[in-house]
Structures are given as C-alpha cells and as structure tokens.
PDB file of all heavy atoms in Angstrom:
ATOM      1  N   CYS A   1      97.383  92.938 112.584  1.00  0.00           N
ATOM      2  CA  CYS A   1      97.806  91.568 112.263  1.00  0.00           C
ATOM      3  C   CYS A   1      97.417  91.203 110.840  1.00  0.00           C
ATOM      4  O   CYS A   1      98.206  90.594 110.099  1.00  0.00           O
ATOM      5  CB  CYS A   1      97.179  90.585 113.251  1.00  0.00           C
ATOM      6  SG  CYS A   1      97.898  90.608 114.906  1.00  0.00           S
ATOM      7  N   PHE A   2      96.189  91.556 110.459  1.00  0.00           N
ATOM      8  CA  PHE A   2      95.735  91.228 109.105  1.00  0.00           C
ATOM      9  C   PHE A   2      96.558  91.982 108.062  1.00  0.00           C
ATOM     10  O   PHE A   2      96.949  91.410 107.036  1.00  0.00           O
ATOM     11  CB  PHE A   2      94.252  91.564 108.945  1.00  0.00           C
ATOM     12  CG  PHE A   2      93.758  91.406 107.539  1.00  0.00           C
ATOM     13  CD1 PHE A   2      93.632  90.156 106.967  1.00  0.00           C
ATOM     14  CD2 PHE A   2      93.446  92.522 106.771  1.00  0.00           C
ATOM     15  CE1 PHE A   2      93.198  90.010 105.655  1.00  0.00           C
ATOM     16  CE2 PHE A   2      93.003  92.392 105.471  1.00  0.00           C
ATOM     17  CZ  PHE A   2      92.880  91.125 104.917  1.00  0.00           C
ATOM     18  N   ALA A   3      96.830  93.280 108.303  1.00  0.00           N
ATOM     19  CA  ALA A   3      97.625  94.056 107.350  1.00  0.00           C
ATOM     20  C   ALA A   3      99.021  93.455 107.190  1.00  0.00           C
ATOM     21  O   ALA A   3      99.548  93.337 106.078  1.00  0.00           O
ATOM     22  CB  ALA A   3      97.725  95.511 107.792  1.00  0.00           C
ATOM     23  N   GLY A   4      99.627  93.047 108.300  1.00  0.00           N
ATOM     24  CA  GLY A   4     100.946  92.436 108.219  1.00  0.00           C
ATOM     25  C   GLY A   4     100.923  91.099 107.527  1.00  0.00           C
ATOM     26  O   GLY A   4     101.804  90.780 106.713  1.00  0.00           O
ATOM     27  N   LEU A   5      99.899  90.285 107.828  1.00  0.00           N
ATOM     28  CA  LEU A   5      99.795  88.978 107.186  1.00  0.00           C
ATOM     29  C   LEU A   5      99.486  89.112 105.701  1.00  0.00           C
ATOM     30  O   LEU A   5      99.931  88.294 104.886  1.00  0.00           O
ATOM     31  CB  LEU A   5      98.710  88.151 107.879  1.00  0.00           C
ATOM     32  CG  LEU A   5      98.577  86.688 107.429  1.00  0.00           C
ATOM     33  CD1 LEU A   5      99.881  85.936 107.673  1.00  0.00           C
ATOM     34  CD2 LEU A   5      97.430  86.011 108.160  1.00  0.00           C
ATOM     35  N   ALA A   6      98.727  90.156 105.331  1.00  0.00           N
ATOM     36  CA  ALA A   6      98.431  90.370 103.913  1.00  0.00           C
ATOM     37  C   ALA A   6      99.710  90.583 103.116  1.00  0.00           C
ATOM     38  O   ALA A   6      99.785  90.204 101.938  1.00  0.00           O
ATOM     39  CB  ALA A   6      97.496  91.569 103.748  1.00  0.00           C
ATOM     40  N   ALA A   7     100.729  91.189 103.743  1.00  0.00           N
ATOM     41  CA  ALA A   7     102.007  91.389 103.068  1.00  0.00           C
ATOM     42  C   ALA A   7     102.683  90.065 102.740  1.00  0.00           C
ATOM     43  O   ALA A   7     103.523  90.009 101.835  1.00  0.00           O
ATOM     44  CB  ALA A   7     102.930  92.247 103.940  1.00  0.00           C
ATOM     45  N   PHE A   8     102.332  88.988 103.437  1.00  0.00           N
ATOM     46  CA  PHE A   8     102.891  87.670 103.153  1.00  0.00           C
ATOM     47  C   PHE A   8     102.338  87.122 101.839  1.00  0.00           C
ATOM     48  O   PHE A   8     102.935  86.244 101.223  1.00  0.00           O
ATOM     49  CB  PHE A   8     102.573  86.722 104.313  1.00  0.00           C
ATOM     50  CG  PHE A   8     103.316  85.416 104.276  1.00  0.00           C
ATOM     51  CD1 PHE A   8     104.697  85.388 104.238  1.00  0.00           C
ATOM     52  CD2 PHE A   8     102.640  84.210 104.271  1.00  0.00           C
ATOM     53  CE1 PHE A   8     105.396  84.192 104.196  1.00  0.00           C
ATOM     54  CE2 PHE A   8     103.319  83.002 104.233  1.00  0.00           C
ATOM     55  CZ  PHE A   8     104.709  82.994 104.196  1.00  0.00           C
ATOM     56  N   PHE A   9     101.179  87.653 101.410  1.00  0.00           N
ATOM     57  CA  PHE A   9     100.591  87.262 100.130  1.00  0.00           C
ATOM     58  C   PHE A   9     100.903  88.281  99.038  1.00  0.00           C
ATOM     59  O   PHE A   9     100.789  87.970  97.859  1.00  0.00           O
ATOM     60  CB  PHE A   9      99.079  87.109 100.268  1.00  0.00           C
ATOM     61  CG  PHE A   9      98.666  85.903 101.056  1.00  0.00           C
ATOM     62  CD1 PHE A   9      98.649  85.936 102.437  1.00  0.00           C
ATOM     63  CD2 PHE A   9      98.311  84.723 100.430  1.00  0.00           C
ATOM     64  CE1 PHE A   9      98.279  84.820 103.179  1.00  0.00           C
ATOM     65  CE2 PHE A   9      97.940  83.602 101.152  1.00  0.00           C
ATOM     66  CZ  PHE A   9      97.932  83.654 102.531  1.00  0.00           C
ATOM     67  N   GLY A  10     101.251  89.477  99.431  1.00  0.00           N
ATOM     68  CA  GLY A  10     101.601  90.531  98.483  1.00  0.00           C
ATOM     69  C   GLY A  10     101.970  91.776  99.265  1.00  0.00           C
ATOM     70  O   GLY A  10     101.129  92.306  99.989  1.00  0.00           O
ATOM     71  N   GLN A  11     103.199  92.227  99.140  1.00  0.00           N
ATOM     72  CA  GLN A  11     103.621  93.369  99.945  1.00  0.00           C
ATOM     73  C   GLN A  11     102.825  94.616  99.613  1.00  0.00           C
ATOM     74  O   GLN A  11     102.630  95.483 100.468  1.00  0.00           O
ATOM     75  CB  GLN A  11     105.119  93.605  99.749  1.00  0.00           C
ATOM     76  CG  GLN A  11     105.989  92.499 100.321  1.00  0.00           C
ATOM     77  CD  GLN A  11     107.470  92.725 100.131  1.00  0.00           C
ATOM     78  OE1 GLN A  11     107.933  93.863 100.074  1.00  0.00           O
ATOM     79  NE2 GLN A  11     108.234  91.642 100.013  1.00  0.00           N
ATOM     80  N   ASN A  12     102.331  94.721  98.375  1.00  0.00           N
ATOM     81  CA  ASN A  12     101.472  95.854  98.048  1.00  0.00           C
ATOM     82  C   ASN A  12     100.176  95.807  98.839  1.00  0.00           C
ATOM     83  O   ASN A  12      99.653  96.852  99.239  1.00  0.00           O
ATOM     84  CB  ASN A  12     101.183  95.878  96.545  1.00  0.00           C
ATOM     85  CG  ASN A  12     100.464  94.636  96.059  1.00  0.00           C
ATOM     86  OD1 ASN A  12     100.713  93.523  96.539  1.00  0.00           O
ATOM     87  ND2 ASN A  12      99.555  94.791  95.109  1.00  0.00           N
ATOM     88  N   HIS A  13      99.650  94.595  99.100  1.00  0.00           N
ATOM     89  CA  HIS A  13      98.438  94.482  99.920  1.00  0.00           C
ATOM     90  C   HIS A  13      98.703  95.000 101.335  1.00  0.00           C
ATOM     91  O   HIS A  13      97.867  95.691 101.918  1.00  0.00           O
ATOM     92  CB  HIS A  13      97.983  93.022  99.996  1.00  0.00           C
ATOM     93  CG  HIS A  13      97.403  92.506  98.722  1.00  0.00           C
ATOM     94  ND1 HIS A  13      96.217  92.959  98.202  1.00  0.00           N
ATOM     95  CD2 HIS A  13      97.857  91.566  97.842  1.00  0.00           C
ATOM     96  CE1 HIS A  13      95.954  92.327  97.073  1.00  0.00           C
ATOM     97  NE2 HIS A  13      96.941  91.474  96.831  1.00  0.00           N
ATOM     98  N   GLY A  14      99.838  94.646 101.902  1.00  0.00           N
ATOM     99  CA  GLY A  14     100.167  95.135 103.227  1.00  0.00           C
ATOM    100  C   GLY A  14     100.211  96.653 103.272  1.00  0.00           C
ATOM    101  O   GLY A  14      99.708  97.274 104.221  1.00  0.00           O
ATOM    102  N   ALA A  15     100.807  97.268 102.231  1.00  0.00           N
ATOM    103  CA  ALA A  15     100.894  98.725 102.191  1.00  0.00           C
ATOM    104  C   ALA A  15      99.516  99.359 102.012  1.00  0.00           C
ATOM    105  O   ALA A  15      99.158 100.319 102.713  1.00  0.00           O
ATOM    106  CB  ALA A  15     101.828  99.152 101.056  1.00  0.00           C
ATOM    107  N   TYR A  16      98.719  98.830 101.071  1.00  0.00           N
ATOM    108  CA  TYR A  16      97.389  99.394 100.825  1.00  0.00           C
ATOM    109  C   TYR A  16      96.504  99.281 102.067  1.00  0.00           C
ATOM    110  O   TYR A  16      95.840 100.240 102.474  1.00  0.00           O
ATOM    111  CB  TYR A  16      96.708  98.661  99.657  1.00  0.00           C
ATOM    112  CG  TYR A  16      97.383  98.797  98.323  1.00  0.00           C
ATOM    113  CD1 TYR A  16      97.249  97.804  97.349  1.00  0.00           C
ATOM    114  CD2 TYR A  16      98.151  99.910  98.007  1.00  0.00           C
ATOM    115  CE1 TYR A  16      97.855  97.908  96.109  1.00  0.00           C
ATOM    116  CE2 TYR A  16      98.768 100.028  96.774  1.00  0.00           C
ATOM    117  CZ  TYR A  16      98.627  99.021  95.830  1.00  0.00           C
ATOM    118  OH  TYR A  16      99.234  99.139  94.606  1.00  0.00           O
ATOM    119  N   ILE A  17      96.483  98.102 102.668  1.00  0.00           N
ATOM    120  CA  ILE A  17      95.589  97.878 103.810  1.00  0.00           C
ATOM    121  C   ILE A  17      96.084  98.650 105.030  1.00  0.00           C
ATOM    122  O   ILE A  17      95.286  99.211 105.790  1.00  0.00           O
ATOM    123  CB  ILE A  17      95.477  96.370 104.104  1.00  0.00           C
ATOM    124  CG1 ILE A  17      94.816  95.662 102.914  1.00  0.00           C
ATOM    125  CG2 ILE A  17      94.661  96.118 105.365  1.00  0.00           C
ATOM    126  CD1 ILE A  17      94.878  94.155 102.993  1.00  0.00           C
ATOM    127  N   GLY A  18      97.393  98.695 105.233  1.00  0.00           N
ATOM    128  CA  GLY A  18      97.918  99.490 106.337  1.00  0.00           C
ATOM    129  C   GLY A  18      97.527 100.945 106.213  1.00  0.00           C
ATOM    130  O   GLY A  18      97.110 101.580 107.194  1.00  0.00           O
ATOM    131  N   LEU A  19      97.630 101.508 105.012  1.00  0.00           N
ATOM    132  CA  LEU A  19      97.230 102.893 104.790  1.00  0.00           C
ATOM    133  C   LEU A  19      95.734 103.065 105.024  1.00  0.00           C
ATOM    134  O   LEU A  19      95.294 104.063 105.629  1.00  0.00           O
ATOM    135  CB  LEU A  19      97.597 103.313 103.365  1.00  0.00           C
ATOM    136  CG  LEU A  19      97.241 104.743 102.957  1.00  0.00           C
ATOM    137  CD1 LEU A  19      97.975 105.748 103.841  1.00  0.00           C
ATOM    138  CD2 LEU A  19      97.597 104.975 101.481  1.00  0.00           C
ATOM    139  N   SER A  20      94.940 102.106 104.573  1.00  0.00           N
ATOM    140  CA  SER A  20      93.482 102.184 104.760  1.00  0.00           C
ATOM    141  C   SER A  20      93.121 102.182 106.237  1.00  0.00           C
ATOM    142  O   SER A  20      92.286 102.987 106.691  1.00  0.00           O
ATOM    143  CB  SER A  20      92.809 100.998 104.056  1.00  0.00           C
ATOM    144  OG  SER A  20      93.058 101.010 102.678  1.00  0.00           O
ATOM    145  N   TYR A  21      93.721 101.291 107.001  1.00  0.00           N
ATOM    146  CA  TYR A  21      93.373 101.183 108.414  1.00  0.00           C
ATOM    147  C   TYR A  21      93.884 102.373 109.219  1.00  0.00           C
ATOM    148  O   TYR A  21      93.256 102.760 110.222  1.00  0.00           O
ATOM    149  CB  TYR A  21      93.910  99.872 108.976  1.00  0.00           C
ATOM    150  CG  TYR A  21      93.125  98.651 108.507  1.00  0.00           C
ATOM    151  CD1 TYR A  21      92.063  98.780 107.615  1.00  0.00           C
ATOM    152  CD2 TYR A  21      93.452  97.370 108.926  1.00  0.00           C
ATOM    153  CE1 TYR A  21      91.351  97.678 107.180  1.00  0.00           C
ATOM    154  CE2 TYR A  21      92.745  96.257 108.496  1.00  0.00           C
ATOM    155  CZ  TYR A  21      91.699  96.416 107.621  1.00  0.00           C
ATOM    156  OH  TYR A  21      90.987  95.321 107.193  1.00  0.00           O
ATOM    157  N   LEU A  22      94.975 102.986 108.801  1.00  0.00           N
ATOM    158  CA  LEU A  22      95.419 104.225 109.442  1.00  0.00           C
ATOM    159  C   LEU A  22      94.420 105.352 109.166  1.00  0.00           C
ATOM    160  O   LEU A  22      94.171 106.201 110.036  1.00  0.00           O
ATOM    161  CB  LEU A  22      96.801 104.614 108.946  1.00  0.00           C
ATOM    162  CG  LEU A  22      97.972 103.778 109.481  1.00  0.00           C
ATOM    163  CD1 LEU A  22      99.265 104.182 108.797  1.00  0.00           C
ATOM    164  CD2 LEU A  22      98.102 103.937 111.000  1.00  0.00           C
ATOM    165  N   THR A  23      93.854 105.352 107.962  1.00  0.00           N
ATOM    166  CA  THR A  23      92.810 106.337 107.650  1.00  0.00           C
ATOM    167  C   THR A  23      91.584 106.121 108.521  1.00  0.00           C
ATOM    168  O   THR A  23      90.971 107.075 109.015  1.00  0.00           O
ATOM    169  CB  THR A  23      92.429 106.243 106.159  1.00  0.00           C
ATOM    170  OG1 THR A  23      93.594 106.412 105.357  1.00  0.00           O
ATOM    171  CG2 THR A  23      91.399 107.305 105.802  1.00  0.00           C
ATOM    172  N   VAL A  24      91.204 104.856 108.703  1.00  0.00           N
ATOM    173  CA  VAL A  24      90.095 104.544 109.598  1.00  0.00           C
ATOM    174  C   VAL A  24      90.399 105.045 111.003  1.00  0.00           C
ATOM    175  O   VAL A  24      89.535 105.618 111.689  1.00  0.00           O
ATOM    176  CB  VAL A  24      89.828 103.025 109.622  1.00  0.00           C
ATOM    177  CG1 VAL A  24      88.859 102.661 110.742  1.00  0.00           C
ATOM    178  CG2 VAL A  24      89.285 102.570 108.273  1.00  0.00           C
ATOM    179  N   MET A  25      91.621 104.840 111.452  1.00  0.00           N
ATOM    180  CA  MET A  25      92.015 105.300 112.785  1.00  0.00           C
ATOM    181  C   MET A  25      91.877 106.820 112.904  1.00  0.00           C
ATOM    182  O   MET A  25      91.412 107.339 113.925  1.00  0.00           O
ATOM    183  CB  MET A  25      93.460 104.884 113.065  1.00  0.00           C
ATOM    184  CG  MET A  25      93.918 105.150 114.493  1.00  0.00           C
ATOM    185  SD  MET A  25      95.666 104.731 114.730  1.00  0.00           S
ATOM    186  CE  MET A  25      95.675 103.006 114.231  1.00  0.00           C
ATOM    187  N   PHE A  26      92.257 107.521 111.844  1.00  0.00           N
ATOM    188  CA  PHE A  26      92.131 108.977 111.859  1.00  0.00           C
ATOM    189  C   PHE A  26      90.663 109.401 111.911  1.00  0.00           C
ATOM    190  O   PHE A  26      90.273 110.261 112.711  1.00  0.00           O
ATOM    191  CB  PHE A  26      92.802 109.559 110.613  1.00  0.00           C
ATOM    192  CG  PHE A  26      92.484 111.009 110.378  1.00  0.00           C
ATOM    193  CD1 PHE A  26      93.080 111.997 111.149  1.00  0.00           C
ATOM    194  CD2 PHE A  26      91.569 111.379 109.399  1.00  0.00           C
ATOM    195  CE1 PHE A  26      92.774 113.344 110.935  1.00  0.00           C
ATOM    196  CE2 PHE A  26      91.260 112.707 109.179  1.00  0.00           C
ATOM    197  CZ  PHE A  26      91.872 113.702 109.949  1.00  0.00           C
ATOM    198  N   LEU A  27      89.827 108.784 111.076  1.00  0.00           N
ATOM    199  CA  LEU A  27      88.420 109.158 111.050  1.00  0.00           C
ATOM    200  C   LEU A  27      87.726 108.837 112.369  1.00  0.00           C
ATOM    201  O   LEU A  27      86.940 109.630 112.893  1.00  0.00           O
ATOM    202  CB  LEU A  27      87.714 108.427 109.900  1.00  0.00           C
ATOM    203  CG  LEU A  27      88.154 108.796 108.481  1.00  0.00           C
ATOM    204  CD1 LEU A  27      87.452 107.914 107.471  1.00  0.00           C
ATOM    205  CD2 LEU A  27      87.888 110.261 108.200  1.00  0.00           C
ATOM    206  N   ALA A  28      88.018 107.661 112.900  1.00  0.00           N
ATOM    207  CA  ALA A  28      87.379 107.265 114.157  1.00  0.00           C
ATOM    208  C   ALA A  28      87.932 108.033 115.340  1.00  0.00           C
ATOM    209  O   ALA A  28      87.304 108.050 116.404  1.00  0.00           O
ATOM    210  CB  ALA A  28      87.578 105.763 114.380  1.00  0.00           C
ATOM    211  N   GLY A  29      89.093 108.666 115.151  1.00  0.00           N
ATOM    212  CA  GLY A  29      89.708 109.377 116.269  1.00  0.00           C
ATOM    213  C   GLY A  29      89.357 110.839 116.362  1.00  0.00           C
ATOM    214  O   GLY A  29      89.763 111.511 117.327  1.00  0.00           O
ATOM    215  N   ILE A  30      88.611 111.367 115.381  1.00  0.00           N
ATOM    216  CA  ILE A  30      88.229 112.775 115.428  1.00  0.00           C
ATOM    217  C   ILE A  30      87.295 113.010 116.619  1.00  0.00           C
ATOM    218  O   ILE A  30      86.244 112.387 116.737  1.00  0.00           O
ATOM    219  CB  ILE A  30      87.545 113.206 114.118  1.00  0.00           C
ATOM    220  CG1 ILE A  30      88.534 113.116 112.956  1.00  0.00           C
ATOM    221  CG2 ILE A  30      86.986 114.613 114.230  1.00  0.00           C
ATOM    222  CD1 ILE A  30      87.945 113.459 111.621  1.00  0.00           C
ATOM    223  N   GLY A  31      87.693 113.874 117.489  1.00  0.00           N
ATOM    224  CA  GLY A  31      86.902 114.180 118.679  1.00  0.00           C
ATOM    225  C   GLY A  31      87.203 113.285 119.864  1.00  0.00           C
ATOM    226  O   GLY A  31      86.717 113.543 120.968  1.00  0.00           O
ATOM    227  N   ALA A  32      88.003 112.226 119.651  1.00  0.00           N
ATOM    228  CA  ALA A  32      88.339 111.323 120.755  1.00  0.00           C
ATOM    229  C   ALA A  32      89.539 111.861 121.531  1.00  0.00           C
ATOM    230  O   ALA A  32      90.268 112.744 121.061  1.00  0.00           O
ATOM    231  CB  ALA A  32      88.642 109.925 120.221  1.00  0.00           C
ATOM    232  N   GLU A  33      89.771 111.327 122.719  1.00  0.00           N
ATOM    233  CA  GLU A  33      90.914 111.731 123.520  1.00  0.00           C
ATOM    234  C   GLU A  33      92.203 111.278 122.850  1.00  0.00           C
ATOM    235  O   GLU A  33      92.276 110.197 122.264  1.00  0.00           O
ATOM    236  CB  GLU A  33      90.825 111.131 124.922  1.00  0.00           C
ATOM    237  CG  GLU A  33      89.666 111.666 125.749  1.00  0.00           C
ATOM    238  CD  GLU A  33      89.687 111.084 127.156  1.00  0.00           C
ATOM    239  OE1 GLU A  33      90.623 110.301 127.459  1.00  0.00           O
ATOM    240  OE2 GLU A  33      88.780 111.424 127.937  1.00  0.00           O
ATOM    241  N   PHE A  34      93.221 112.106 122.987  1.00  0.00           N
ATOM    242  CA  PHE A  34      94.504 111.801 122.367  1.00  0.00           C
ATOM    243  C   PHE A  34      95.077 110.496 122.913  1.00  0.00           C
ATOM    244  O   PHE A  34      95.684 109.716 122.171  1.00  0.00           O
ATOM    245  CB  PHE A  34      95.488 112.950 122.599  1.00  0.00           C
ATOM    246  CG  PHE A  34      96.864 112.678 122.059  1.00  0.00           C
ATOM    247  CD1 PHE A  34      97.118 112.729 120.694  1.00  0.00           C
ATOM    248  CD2 PHE A  34      97.908 112.343 122.923  1.00  0.00           C
ATOM    249  CE1 PHE A  34      98.384 112.466 120.204  1.00  0.00           C
ATOM    250  CE2 PHE A  34      99.170 112.077 122.438  1.00  0.00           C
ATOM    251  CZ  PHE A  34      99.413 112.146 121.070  1.00  0.00           C
ATOM    252  N   ARG A  35      94.868 110.254 124.193  1.00  0.00           N
ATOM    253  CA  ARG A  35      95.393 109.034 124.799  1.00  0.00           C
ATOM    254  C   ARG A  35      94.768 107.797 124.157  1.00  0.00           C
ATOM    255  O   ARG A  35      95.456 106.798 123.921  1.00  0.00           O
ATOM    256  CB  ARG A  35      95.120 109.042 126.300  1.00  0.00           C
ATOM    257  CG  ARG A  35      95.646 107.815 127.037  1.00  0.00           C
ATOM    258  CD  ARG A  35      95.320 107.891 128.521  1.00  0.00           C
ATOM    259  NE  ARG A  35      95.956 109.044 129.130  1.00  0.00           N
ATOM    260  CZ  ARG A  35      95.818 109.363 130.419  1.00  0.00           C
ATOM    261  NH1 ARG A  35      95.053 108.629 131.209  1.00  0.00           N
ATOM    262  NH2 ARG A  35      96.435 110.424 130.895  1.00  0.00           N
TER     263      ARG A  35
END
C-alpha cells in the first residue's frame, strides 16, 4: 500500500520502493516455505 501510494507523490518513488520491498521479500524468504 505504501509503495503504491508513494507513486501518487512520484512514480519513481513507487518504482524504487517497490523494488526495495521485493528485495526484502527475497531476503526474508531464504529458507522459508515456498507457500
């Protein structure tokens, strides 16, 4: 929600933050169940 709302203030912010949070998801998902 925050990444999408950030795009309302600057679409580059939405892209940067979306990419950052996907990276967080990858790091936090190492060793976790695929589901």
